[in-house]
Protein backbone atom coordinates (compact mmCIF):
# COMPACT_ATOMS: atom_id res chain seq x y z
CA MET A 1 13.34 -10.29 2.81
CA PRO A 2 11.44 -13.35 4.14
CA ILE A 3 7.69 -13.01 3.80
CA ASP A 4 5.00 -14.49 6.20
CA VAL A 5 4.28 -17.84 4.44
CA GLU A 6 3.27 -21.20 5.84
CA SER A 7 5.75 -23.92 5.24
CA LYS A 8 4.33 -27.38 4.53
CA LEU A 9 6.37 -30.38 5.72
CA LEU A 10 5.78 -33.97 4.51
CA ILE A 11 6.77 -36.84 6.70
CA VAL A 12 6.40 -40.46 5.25
CA ASP A 13 6.86 -43.63 7.56
CA ASP A 14 4.84 -46.75 7.72
CA LEU A 15 4.94 -46.70 11.63
CA PRO A 16 2.38 -44.12 13.13
CA GLU A 17 4.49 -43.91 16.34
CA ASN A 18 7.57 -42.74 14.26
CA LEU A 19 5.36 -40.14 12.64
CA LEU A 20 4.18 -38.85 15.92
CA ALA A 21 7.68 -38.52 17.28
CA LEU A 22 9.03 -36.89 14.11
CA GLU A 23 6.16 -34.47 14.03
CA ALA A 24 6.75 -33.54 17.63
CA LEU A 25 10.32 -32.62 16.75
CA ILE A 26 9.69 -30.51 13.55
CA ARG A 27 6.37 -28.81 14.24
CA GLY A 28 6.32 -25.13 15.07
CA PRO A 29 4.86 -21.61 14.14
CA GLY A 30 4.33 -21.14 10.48
CA ARG A 31 4.53 -24.96 9.72
CA ALA A 32 2.00 -27.35 8.75
CA VAL A 33 3.09 -31.04 8.94
CA PHE A 34 1.39 -33.66 6.70
CA ARG A 35 1.79 -37.24 7.66
CA ALA A 36 1.64 -40.25 5.16
CA THR A 37 2.04 -43.96 6.22
CA SER A 38 2.96 -45.16 2.65
CA ALA A 39 4.42 -43.86 -0.48
CA GLU A 40 0.98 -44.05 -2.17
CA GLU A 41 -0.61 -41.63 0.53
CA ALA A 42 2.55 -39.34 0.19
CA LEU A 43 2.00 -39.18 -3.67
CA ALA A 44 -1.61 -38.11 -3.20
CA LEU A 45 -0.55 -35.40 -0.70
CA LEU A 46 2.12 -34.16 -3.27
CA LEU A 47 -0.38 -33.66 -5.84
CA ASP A 48 -2.45 -31.41 -3.59
CA HIS A 49 0.18 -29.46 -1.74
CA GLU A 50 3.36 -27.61 -2.34
CA PHE A 51 5.84 -28.84 0.23
CA ALA A 52 9.05 -27.19 1.65
CA LEU A 53 10.53 -30.36 2.68
CA ALA A 54 9.95 -34.16 2.55
CA ILE A 55 11.26 -36.52 5.22
CA LEU A 56 11.05 -40.14 3.91
CA ASP A 57 11.71 -43.42 5.61
CA VAL A 58 13.64 -45.67 3.59
CA GLN A 59 12.44 -49.06 4.59
CA MET A 60 8.50 -49.17 3.84
CA PRO A 61 6.57 -52.05 2.46
CA GLY A 62 5.49 -51.73 -1.09
CA MET A 63 7.31 -48.85 -2.60
CA ASN A 64 10.26 -47.82 -0.48
CA GLY A 65 11.53 -44.32 0.18
CA PHE A 66 14.24 -44.47 -2.69
CA GLU A 67 11.49 -45.47 -5.15
CA LEU A 68 9.23 -42.46 -4.01
CA ALA A 69 12.30 -40.18 -4.32
CA GLU A 70 12.88 -41.26 -7.87
CA LEU A 71 9.20 -40.63 -8.72
CA MET A 72 9.35 -37.34 -7.12
CA ARG A 73 12.50 -36.28 -9.11
CA GLY A 74 10.74 -37.42 -12.34
CA THR A 75 7.79 -34.96 -12.02
CA GLU A 76 8.08 -31.34 -12.70
CA ARG A 77 5.84 -30.44 -9.77
CA THR A 78 7.72 -32.27 -7.04
CA ARG A 79 11.45 -32.33 -8.33
CA HIS A 80 12.33 -29.15 -6.58
CA ILE A 81 11.32 -30.37 -3.08
CA PRO A 82 14.22 -31.18 -0.80
CA ILE A 83 14.35 -34.70 0.66
CA ILE A 84 15.79 -36.16 3.67
CA PHE A 85 15.97 -39.81 4.08
CA VAL A 86 15.60 -41.44 7.48
CA SER A 87 16.76 -45.12 8.06
CA ALA A 88 17.06 -47.56 10.91
CA ALA A 89 19.54 -49.69 9.04
CA GLY A 90 23.16 -49.73 9.93
CA ARG A 91 25.58 -47.53 8.22
CA GLU A 92 27.45 -50.42 6.77
CA LEU A 93 24.65 -50.87 4.17
CA ASN A 94 25.66 -47.71 2.64
CA TYR A 95 22.07 -46.32 2.26
CA ALA A 96 23.38 -42.82 2.43
CA PHE A 97 25.07 -43.23 -0.84
CA GLN A 98 22.01 -44.63 -2.36
CA GLY A 99 19.97 -41.86 -0.90
CA TYR A 100 22.12 -39.22 -2.32
CA GLU A 101 21.94 -40.88 -5.77
CA SER A 102 18.11 -40.84 -5.55
CA GLY A 103 18.26 -37.04 -5.06
CA ALA A 104 18.40 -36.59 -1.14
CA VAL A 105 19.83 -33.50 0.33
CA ASP A 106 20.63 -35.19 3.56
CA PHE A 107 20.36 -38.50 5.46
CA LEU A 108 19.52 -39.31 8.97
CA HIS A 109 20.00 -42.44 11.00
CA LYS A 110 17.73 -43.83 13.75
CA PRO A 111 17.61 -43.17 16.51
CA LEU A 112 17.03 -39.52 15.56
CA ASP A 113 19.31 -36.81 17.11
CA PRO A 114 16.54 -34.14 18.11
CA HIS A 115 18.98 -31.32 17.81
CA ALA A 116 20.10 -32.47 14.30
CA VAL A 117 16.68 -33.01 13.14
CA THR A 118 15.49 -29.61 14.35
CA SER A 119 18.58 -27.81 12.82
CA LYS A 120 18.19 -29.39 9.49
CA VAL A 121 14.50 -28.79 9.20
CA ASN A 122 14.91 -25.07 10.40
CA VAL A 123 17.55 -24.63 7.37
CA PHE A 124 15.15 -25.96 4.74
CA VAL A 125 12.12 -24.10 6.08
CA ASP A 126 14.32 -20.89 6.07
CA LEU A 127 15.40 -21.70 2.52
CA HIS A 128 11.73 -22.23 1.52
CA ARG A 129 10.73 -18.90 2.96
CA HIS A 130 13.62 -17.20 1.27
CA ARG A 131 12.82 -18.81 -2.01
CA LYS A 132 9.09 -17.67 -1.62
CA ALA A 133 10.16 -14.07 -0.85
CA LEU A 134 12.53 -14.19 -3.84
CA GLY A 135 9.68 -15.34 -6.05
CA HIS A 136 7.47 -12.75 -4.61
CA GLU A 137 10.03 -9.99 -5.30
CA MET A 138 10.63 -11.38 -8.74
CA GLU A 139 6.86 -11.19 -9.34
CA LYS A 140 6.77 -7.62 -8.04
CA LEU A 141 9.79 -6.83 -10.28
CA ALA A 142 8.01 -8.36 -13.31
CA ALA A 143 4.93 -6.25 -12.62
CA ALA A 144 6.87 -3.27 -12.26
CA ASN A 145 8.62 -3.95 -15.48
CA HIS A 146 5.28 -4.57 -17.23
CA LYS A 147 4.03 -1.39 -15.67
CA GLN A 148 7.08 0.41 -16.83
CA ASP A 149 6.84 -0.90 -20.25
CA GLU A 150 3.11 0.18 -20.36
CA LEU A 151 4.22 3.68 -19.26
CA VAL A 152 6.79 3.77 -21.90
CA GLN A 153 4.31 2.87 -24.57
CA GLN A 154 1.91 5.46 -23.25
CA LEU A 155 4.70 8.12 -23.37
CA ARG A 156 5.44 6.93 -26.95
CA HIS A 157 1.80 7.23 -27.81
CA THR A 158 1.64 10.55 -26.13
CA GLN A 159 4.62 11.72 -28.04
CA ARG A 160 3.12 10.55 -31.32
CA GLU A 161 0.00 12.42 -30.51
CA LEU A 162 1.78 15.53 -29.62
CA GLU A 163 3.94 15.25 -32.80
CA ARG A 164 0.74 14.83 -34.79
CA ALA A 165 -0.91 17.93 -32.86
CA VAL A 166 2.04 20.02 -33.64
CA GLN A 167 2.03 18.88 -37.38
CA MET A 168 -1.85 19.63 -37.45
CA ARG A 169 -1.23 23.08 -35.84
CA ASP A 170 1.37 23.78 -38.51
CA ASP A 171 -0.77 22.51 -41.23
CA PHE A 172 -3.59 24.33 -39.87
CA MET A 173 -1.86 27.74 -39.84
CA SER A 174 -0.59 27.06 -43.45
CA MET A 175 -4.01 26.19 -44.66
CA VAL A 176 -5.58 29.13 -42.97
CA SER A 177 -3.10 31.49 -44.30
CA HIS A 178 -3.58 30.18 -47.63
CA GLU A 179 -7.34 30.15 -47.54
CA LEU A 180 -7.52 33.78 -46.10
CA ARG A 181 -4.82 34.90 -48.57
CA THR A 182 -6.82 33.94 -51.67
CA PRO A 183 -10.01 36.15 -51.04
CA LEU A 184 -7.81 38.95 -49.70
CA ASN A 185 -5.46 38.88 -52.69
CA THR A 186 -8.65 38.96 -55.00
CA LEU A 187 -10.10 42.14 -53.02
CA TYR A 188 -6.64 43.76 -53.14
CA LEU A 189 -6.16 43.20 -56.78
CA GLU A 190 -9.76 44.60 -57.44
CA THR A 191 -8.90 47.59 -55.14
CA GLN A 192 -5.62 48.30 -56.99
CA LEU A 193 -7.54 47.93 -60.44
CA ARG A 194 -10.07 50.46 -59.27
CA GLN A 195 -7.42 52.84 -57.94
CA LEU A 196 -5.65 52.58 -61.30
CA HIS A 197 -8.96 53.52 -63.13
CA VAL A 198 -9.63 56.32 -60.80
CA ALA A 199 -6.00 57.71 -61.34
CA LYS A 200 -6.56 57.47 -65.12
CA GLY A 201 -9.97 59.15 -64.93
CA ASN A 202 -11.60 55.94 -66.41
CA LEU A 203 -14.90 56.16 -64.69
CA ASP A 204 -16.83 54.00 -67.06
CA SER A 205 -15.61 51.02 -65.00
CA PHE A 206 -17.85 52.31 -62.25
CA ALA A 207 -20.96 52.92 -64.37
CA ALA A 208 -24.27 51.79 -62.84
CA ASP A 209 -24.59 48.73 -65.00
CA ARG A 210 -21.23 47.37 -63.80
CA LEU A 211 -21.68 48.18 -60.08
CA PRO A 212 -23.76 45.21 -59.18
CA ALA A 213 -21.39 42.69 -60.52
CA MET A 214 -18.46 44.51 -58.76
CA ILE A 215 -20.22 44.42 -55.54
CA GLU A 216 -21.17 40.77 -56.11
CA ARG A 217 -17.52 39.87 -56.45
CA ASP A 218 -16.49 41.68 -53.25
CA GLN A 219 -19.39 40.13 -51.28
CA ARG A 220 -18.37 36.78 -52.55
CA GLN A 221 -14.86 37.06 -51.17
CA ILE A 222 -16.01 38.52 -48.01
CA ARG A 223 -18.45 35.83 -47.54
CA ASN A 224 -15.76 33.27 -48.11
CA MET A 225 -13.54 34.89 -45.26
CA VAL A 226 -16.56 35.16 -42.89
CA ARG A 227 -17.33 31.53 -43.59
CA LEU A 228 -13.79 30.43 -42.79
CA ILE A 229 -13.73 32.57 -39.68
CA ASP A 230 -17.08 31.28 -38.57
CA ASP A 231 -15.98 27.65 -39.08
CA MET A 232 -12.69 28.20 -36.91
CA LEU A 233 -14.90 29.88 -34.22
CA ASP A 234 -17.32 26.93 -34.22
CA VAL A 235 -14.58 24.49 -33.90
CA THR A 236 -13.21 26.48 -30.92
CA ARG A 237 -16.73 26.37 -29.36
CA MET A 238 -16.80 22.66 -29.78
CA ARG A 239 -13.45 22.21 -28.11
CA ARG A 240 -14.85 24.15 -25.09
CA ASP A 241 -17.98 22.31 -25.21
CA ALA A 242 -19.59 25.70 -25.66
CA LEU A 243 -21.47 25.13 -29.02
CA SER A 244 -25.21 24.84 -28.28
CA ILE A 245 -28.35 24.82 -30.33
CA GLN A 246 -31.55 26.76 -29.93
CA PRO A 247 -34.45 24.68 -31.33
CA LYS A 248 -37.59 26.29 -32.63
CA PRO A 249 -40.17 25.38 -35.16
CA VAL A 250 -38.63 25.19 -38.64
CA ASP A 251 -39.91 24.28 -42.16
CA LEU A 252 -36.99 22.25 -43.46
CA ALA A 253 -38.30 22.24 -46.94
CA ALA A 254 -38.47 26.09 -47.26
CA LEU A 255 -35.07 26.35 -45.57
CA ALA A 256 -33.72 23.87 -48.28
CA ARG A 257 -35.07 25.92 -51.02
CA THR A 258 -33.45 29.07 -49.55
CA VAL A 259 -30.11 27.38 -49.33
CA VAL A 260 -30.24 25.92 -52.87
CA GLU A 261 -31.16 29.47 -54.17
CA GLY A 262 -28.30 30.95 -52.27
CA LEU A 263 -25.85 28.57 -53.88
CA ARG A 264 -27.19 29.09 -57.46
CA GLN A 265 -24.23 31.34 -58.42
CA GLN A 266 -21.63 28.98 -56.89
CA ALA A 267 -23.25 26.05 -58.83
CA GLU A 268 -23.21 28.08 -62.08
CA ALA A 269 -19.46 28.97 -61.34
CA ALA A 270 -18.73 25.19 -60.80
CA GLY A 271 -20.65 24.43 -64.14
CA SER A 272 -23.21 22.50 -62.20
CA VAL A 273 -26.95 22.56 -61.06
CA VAL A 274 -28.54 21.65 -57.78
CA ALA A 275 -31.92 19.86 -58.06
CA LEU A 276 -34.06 19.75 -55.04
CA GLU A 277 -36.82 17.22 -54.35
CA ALA A 278 -38.80 18.13 -51.40
CA PRO A 279 -42.32 18.13 -49.90
CA ARG A 280 -44.23 21.37 -49.85
CA GLU A 281 -43.69 21.32 -45.98
CA LEU A 282 -41.46 19.39 -43.75
CA ARG A 283 -41.76 20.75 -40.16
CA GLY A 284 -39.85 20.03 -37.13
CA VAL A 285 -38.06 21.66 -34.17
CA TRP A 286 -34.42 22.40 -34.75
CA ASP A 287 -31.78 25.25 -34.60
CA GLU A 288 -32.61 26.76 -37.97
CA PHE A 289 -29.18 28.45 -38.21
CA ARG A 290 -27.18 25.28 -37.57
CA ILE A 291 -29.38 23.18 -39.93
CA GLU A 292 -28.78 25.68 -42.59
CA GLN A 293 -25.01 25.20 -41.95
CA VAL A 294 -25.67 21.43 -42.50
CA LEU A 295 -27.35 21.89 -45.82
CA THR A 296 -24.88 24.50 -46.98
CA ASN A 297 -21.96 22.47 -46.03
CA LEU A 298 -23.14 19.33 -47.74
CA LEU A 299 -24.18 21.07 -50.99
CA THR A 300 -20.97 23.14 -51.11
CA ASN A 301 -18.91 20.04 -50.71
CA ALA A 302 -21.01 18.22 -53.53
CA LEU A 303 -20.33 21.27 -55.81
CA ARG A 304 -16.57 21.52 -54.90
CA TYR A 305 -16.06 17.81 -55.77
CA GLY A 306 -18.65 17.04 -58.12
CA ARG A 307 -16.78 17.56 -61.25
CA GLY A 308 -19.31 19.97 -62.64
CA LYS A 309 -22.02 17.36 -62.84
CA PRO A 310 -25.57 17.81 -61.35
CA VAL A 311 -25.98 17.65 -57.64
CA GLU A 312 -29.36 16.37 -56.04
CA MET A 313 -30.78 16.96 -52.63
CA VAL A 314 -33.77 14.92 -51.59
CA LEU A 315 -35.75 15.72 -48.38
CA GLY A 316 -38.37 13.31 -46.86
CA GLN A 317 -39.94 12.11 -43.71
CA VAL A 318 -40.19 8.61 -42.30
CA GLY A 319 -42.19 8.51 -39.08
CA GLY A 320 -40.82 11.05 -36.53
CA THR A 321 -37.77 11.50 -38.49
CA ALA A 322 -36.61 13.97 -41.37
CA HIS A 323 -34.41 12.40 -43.92
CA ILE A 324 -31.95 14.31 -46.11
CA THR A 325 -29.76 12.99 -48.72
CA VAL A 326 -27.21 14.96 -50.96
CA ARG A 327 -25.87 13.12 -54.11
CA ASP A 328 -22.96 14.21 -56.46
CA GLN A 329 -21.31 12.39 -59.30
CA GLY A 330 -17.93 13.43 -58.57
CA ILE A 331 -14.56 11.87 -57.41
CA GLY A 332 -16.02 9.84 -54.70
CA ILE A 333 -14.47 8.62 -51.32
CA ALA A 334 -12.48 5.57 -50.72
CA PRO A 335 -13.81 3.14 -48.19
CA GLU A 336 -10.89 3.67 -45.80
CA ASP A 337 -11.56 7.49 -45.72
CA GLN A 338 -15.21 7.57 -45.18
CA GLU A 339 -15.10 7.74 -41.39
CA ARG A 340 -12.05 9.93 -41.43
CA ILE A 341 -13.48 12.70 -43.39
CA PHE A 342 -15.60 13.66 -40.44
CA GLU A 343 -12.72 14.40 -38.35
CA GLN A 344 -11.32 17.95 -37.97
CA PHE A 345 -8.67 19.11 -40.56
CA GLU A 346 -9.01 15.69 -42.19
CA ARG A 347 -9.09 15.61 -46.10
CA THR A 348 -8.26 12.78 -48.63
CA ASP A 349 -5.60 13.06 -51.04
CA ASP A 350 -7.88 13.38 -53.98
CA SER A 351 -9.93 16.24 -52.29
CA ARG A 352 -6.82 18.29 -51.89
CA LYS A 353 -6.11 17.86 -55.55
CA HIS A 354 -9.55 19.15 -56.67
CA ALA A 355 -10.13 21.97 -54.05
CA SER A 356 -8.70 23.97 -51.21
CA GLY A 357 -10.20 23.96 -47.82
CA LEU A 358 -9.41 23.36 -44.10
CA GLY A 359 -11.30 20.13 -43.53
CA LEU A 360 -13.76 21.51 -41.17
CA GLY A 361 -16.96 21.49 -43.02
CA LEU A 362 -17.89 17.62 -42.53
CA TYR A 363 -16.61 17.75 -38.93
CA ILE A 364 -18.77 20.86 -38.00
CA THR A 365 -21.66 19.16 -39.82
CA ARG A 366 -21.50 15.92 -37.87
CA LYS A 367 -21.31 17.82 -34.67
CA ILE A 368 -24.34 19.81 -35.55
CA VAL A 369 -26.35 16.74 -36.40
CA CYS A 370 -25.31 14.95 -33.16
CA LEU A 371 -26.38 17.99 -31.15
CA HIS A 372 -29.80 17.48 -32.64
CA ASN A 373 -29.73 13.63 -31.67
CA GLY A 374 -29.35 12.77 -35.38
CA ARG A 375 -27.04 10.63 -37.41
CA ILE A 376 -25.13 11.30 -40.57
CA GLY A 377 -23.08 8.80 -42.86
CA VAL A 378 -21.76 8.54 -46.37
CA GLU A 379 -22.04 5.92 -49.13
CA SER A 380 -19.43 6.27 -51.93
CA THR A 381 -17.23 4.44 -54.55
CA PRO A 382 -14.22 6.31 -55.77
CA GLY A 383 -14.92 7.78 -59.21
CA GLU A 384 -18.66 7.34 -58.84
CA GLY A 385 -19.65 10.16 -56.60
CA ALA A 386 -20.90 10.32 -53.02
CA LEU A 387 -24.23 10.13 -51.19
CA PHE A 388 -24.54 11.74 -47.80
CA ARG A 389 -27.52 10.68 -45.54
CA VAL A 390 -28.64 12.77 -42.63
CA GLU A 391 -31.39 11.72 -40.23
CA LEU A 392 -32.96 14.35 -37.92
CA PRO A 393 -35.69 13.70 -35.23
CA LEU A 394 -38.62 16.01 -35.76
CA GLU A 395 -38.38 16.87 -32.15
CA SER A 396 -34.77 17.33 -31.27
CA VAL A 397 -33.60 17.82 -27.71
CA ALA A 398 -30.65 20.20 -27.32
CA ARG A 399 -27.45 18.64 -26.36
CA THR A 400 -24.17 20.16 -25.33
CA ALA A 401 -21.10 19.44 -27.44
CA ALA A 402 -19.64 17.24 -24.84
CA GLN A 403 -22.70 15.03 -24.95
CA ALA A 404 -22.55 14.94 -28.88
CA GLN A 405 -18.68 13.94 -28.48
CA ALA A 406 -19.75 11.02 -26.16
């Protein structure tokens, strides 16, 4: 387990010749020996280096070895350094006992036994290297544990995302079934009623003056189903980054008038009216079909959640940008929901209470606007309606769905 690490050794003696002799005994590969002729010099070195072992002479002028050891033991940075005392005094002075009280791990008497010195130093150098290796392994283990914790968190996040995706899929299938069932049930009931009239010979129901209304009801339900299917196809294309735009010269003002007229009956059914304020012309280069989707989605949402109050669309131009605003006086949108409503399948709790839907209209709208290098946002206060703003450069450059997502 030992790693390749340099072991620093500190030797302290007031006599340079003693330092030279001691260094000659303990130096070796992978070792760096630092010499100090006083306790003060030793303390300065201890501040700058991490030592594997300190060999201190006991009898030094000024601060002696025992006092230096006590200072070392009182400091967090140096208290772990093993200390070996060296003394020329006789054994009868009992310096060894005092040395151990000061925190020494061993005690040597002069003249030094070279074999004993070498053996003891080797032991502490090996201990230092093992301690460093253990610390290195502990750091690696801590890093591995941290990485493992990160992976666990990622897995938990992925699991939550998968659970959310499964829930979204189930909700989506439920919503699609419900949304498709409504127009299909209406058409089915209409056909059943007509079949009953035919069986009873009641052909007055198919008189020429009644056929237009009958056909309009059928077409409305069919349009609802086609719109739903188109929305789902668009979302699929967006996920495959396959939704593209085909810009060409378009009169946005004329297009808006066409959309408003096409939604006239829907507005009447909602008990509302749509007011359009637009210049005579507002020309730019856009994908006409996709921009029609944007206008239709915004107006349809305004009528759906506008509580039967008037809806207003305003078109204008500022510099090289076309501006579109759609304002309703309906249920409004809470601040915390104003970003979320542009995500797929996202609807507020209030919106679910007032109308059905898949929650795809605003998601598709934002993608189309982004594909035209434009911007869309909403301003709203709950209970006071909503104002959607769209900005479209007059000269849009086609982008892919992946670029719009980025």
